[in-house]
């Protein structure tokens, strides 16, 4: 039950999920969480690809030194 509530919240599909649950119950079947998760999963073709380029760790050294200058009394 909690997984169904989480699915409805995470996917924003409360009304559609209620329709699917009603159809399952009307057919005399228990809801199949795996099938419902797959049904409401985002289409991989519509998910944007995100490329993250991390800065080298050495570039953060200047930030540490700048913080010490202003904080020393």
C-alpha atoms as a PDB file:
ATOM      1  CA  UNK A   1       0.000   0.000   0.000  1.00  0.00           C
ATOM      2  CA  UNK A   2       2.793   2.394   0.896  1.00  0.00           C
ATOM      3  CA  UNK A   3       4.538   1.608  -2.389  1.00  0.00           C
ATOM      4  CA  UNK A   4       1.378   2.498  -4.311  1.00  0.00           C
ATOM      5  CA  UNK A   5       1.115   5.809  -2.471  1.00  0.00           C
ATOM      6  CA  UNK A   6       4.789   6.518  -3.167  1.00  0.00           C
ATOM      7  CA  UNK A   7       4.302   5.685  -6.849  1.00  0.00           C
ATOM      8  CA  UNK A   8       1.335   8.049  -7.104  1.00  0.00           C
ATOM      9  CA  UNK A   9       3.283  10.844  -5.432  1.00  0.00           C
ATOM     10  CA  UNK A  10       6.600  10.400  -7.235  1.00  0.00           C
ATOM     11  CA  UNK A  11       5.080  10.071 -10.699  1.00  0.00           C
ATOM     12  CA  UNK A  12       2.250  12.574 -10.167  1.00  0.00           C
ATOM     13  CA  UNK A  13      -0.258  10.059 -11.462  1.00  0.00           C
ATOM     14  CA  UNK A  14      -2.833   9.862  -8.687  1.00  0.00           C
ATOM     15  CA  UNK A  15      -5.938   9.877 -10.912  1.00  0.00           C
ATOM     16  CA  UNK A  16      -4.505   7.524 -13.533  1.00  0.00           C
ATOM     17  CA  UNK A  17      -3.261   5.139 -10.851  1.00  0.00           C
ATOM     18  CA  UNK A  18      -6.702   5.157  -9.223  1.00  0.00           C
ATOM     19  CA  UNK A  19      -8.209   4.185 -12.588  1.00  0.00           C
ATOM     20  CA  UNK A  20      -5.717   1.323 -12.984  1.00  0.00           C
ATOM     21  CA  UNK A  21      -6.367   0.111  -9.437  1.00  0.00           C
ATOM     22  CA  UNK A  22     -10.142   0.226  -9.975  1.00  0.00           C
ATOM     23  CA  UNK A  23      -9.773  -1.759 -13.216  1.00  0.00           C
ATOM     24  CA  UNK A  24      -7.674  -4.397 -11.429  1.00  0.00           C
ATOM     25  CA  UNK A  25     -10.146  -4.688  -8.560  1.00  0.00           C
ATOM     26  CA  UNK A  26     -13.139  -4.811 -10.921  1.00  0.00           C
ATOM     27  CA  UNK A  27     -11.414  -7.663 -12.755  1.00  0.00           C
ATOM     28  CA  UNK A  28     -11.011  -9.488  -9.427  1.00  0.00           C
ATOM     29  CA  UNK A  29      -7.234  -9.063  -9.439  1.00  0.00           C
ATOM     30  CA  UNK A  30      -4.882  -7.644  -6.873  1.00  0.00           C
ATOM     31  CA  UNK A  31      -2.745  -4.737  -8.096  1.00  0.00           C
ATOM     32  CA  UNK A  32       0.617  -5.793  -9.522  1.00  0.00           C
ATOM     33  CA  UNK A  33       3.126  -3.241  -8.237  1.00  0.00           C
ATOM     34  CA  UNK A  34       5.795  -4.221 -10.775  1.00  0.00           C
ATOM     35  CA  UNK A  35       3.389  -3.789 -13.691  1.00  0.00           C
ATOM     36  CA  UNK A  36       2.148  -0.453 -12.338  1.00  0.00           C
ATOM     37  CA  UNK A  37       5.695   0.838 -11.827  1.00  0.00           C
ATOM     38  CA  UNK A  38       6.577  -0.133 -15.393  1.00  0.00           C
ATOM     39  CA  UNK A  39       3.346   1.413 -16.717  1.00  0.00           C
ATOM     40  CA  UNK A  40       3.986   4.757 -15.014  1.00  0.00           C
ATOM     41  CA  UNK A  41       7.759   4.794 -15.553  1.00  0.00           C
ATOM     42  CA  UNK A  42       9.088   7.666 -17.639  1.00  0.00           C
ATOM     43  CA  UNK A  43       9.808   6.936 -21.288  1.00  0.00           C
ATOM     44  CA  UNK A  44      13.603   6.585 -21.576  1.00  0.00           C
ATOM     45  CA  UNK A  45      13.482   8.361 -24.945  1.00  0.00           C
ATOM     46  CA  UNK A  46      12.002  11.452 -23.255  1.00  0.00           C
ATOM     47  CA  UNK A  47      14.460  11.629 -20.368  1.00  0.00           C
ATOM     48  CA  UNK A  48      17.104  14.260 -21.102  1.00  0.00           C
ATOM     49  CA  UNK A  49      20.748  13.322 -20.991  1.00  0.00           C
ATOM     50  CA  UNK A  50      22.709  15.446 -18.562  1.00  0.00           C
ATOM     51  CA  UNK A  51      26.470  15.760 -18.807  1.00  0.00           C
ATOM     52  CA  UNK A  52      28.220  17.036 -15.703  1.00  0.00           C
ATOM     53  CA  UNK A  53      31.792  18.242 -15.995  1.00  0.00           C
ATOM     54  CA  UNK A  54      33.485  18.345 -12.630  1.00  0.00           C
ATOM     55  CA  UNK A  55      36.257  20.802 -11.949  1.00  0.00           C
ATOM     56  CA  UNK A  56      39.630  19.381 -10.935  1.00  0.00           C
ATOM     57  CA  UNK A  57      40.003  19.115  -7.164  1.00  0.00           C
ATOM     58  CA  UNK A  58      43.128  21.263  -7.303  1.00  0.00           C
ATOM     59  CA  UNK A  59      41.018  24.251  -8.389  1.00  0.00           C
ATOM     60  CA  UNK A  60      39.316  24.275  -4.975  1.00  0.00           C
ATOM     61  CA  UNK A  61      42.606  24.960  -3.193  1.00  0.00           C
ATOM     62  CA  UNK A  62      42.348  28.661  -4.028  1.00  0.00           C
ATOM     63  CA  UNK A  63      38.969  28.798  -2.289  1.00  0.00           C
ATOM     64  CA  UNK A  64      40.400  27.339   0.910  1.00  0.00           C
ATOM     65  CA  UNK A  65      43.197  29.878   0.937  1.00  0.00           C
ATOM     66  CA  UNK A  66      40.817  32.799   0.277  1.00  0.00           C
ATOM     67  CA  UNK A  67      38.627  31.757   3.219  1.00  0.00           C
ATOM     68  CA  UNK A  68      41.582  31.697   5.615  1.00  0.00           C
ATOM     69  CA  UNK A  69      42.691  35.225   4.723  1.00  0.00           C
ATOM     70  CA  UNK A  70      39.307  36.785   5.536  1.00  0.00           C
ATOM     71  CA  UNK A  71      38.741  34.660   8.645  1.00  0.00           C
ATOM     72  CA  UNK A  72      42.115  35.225  10.398  1.00  0.00           C
ATOM     73  CA  UNK A  73      42.193  37.820  13.151  1.00  0.00           C
END
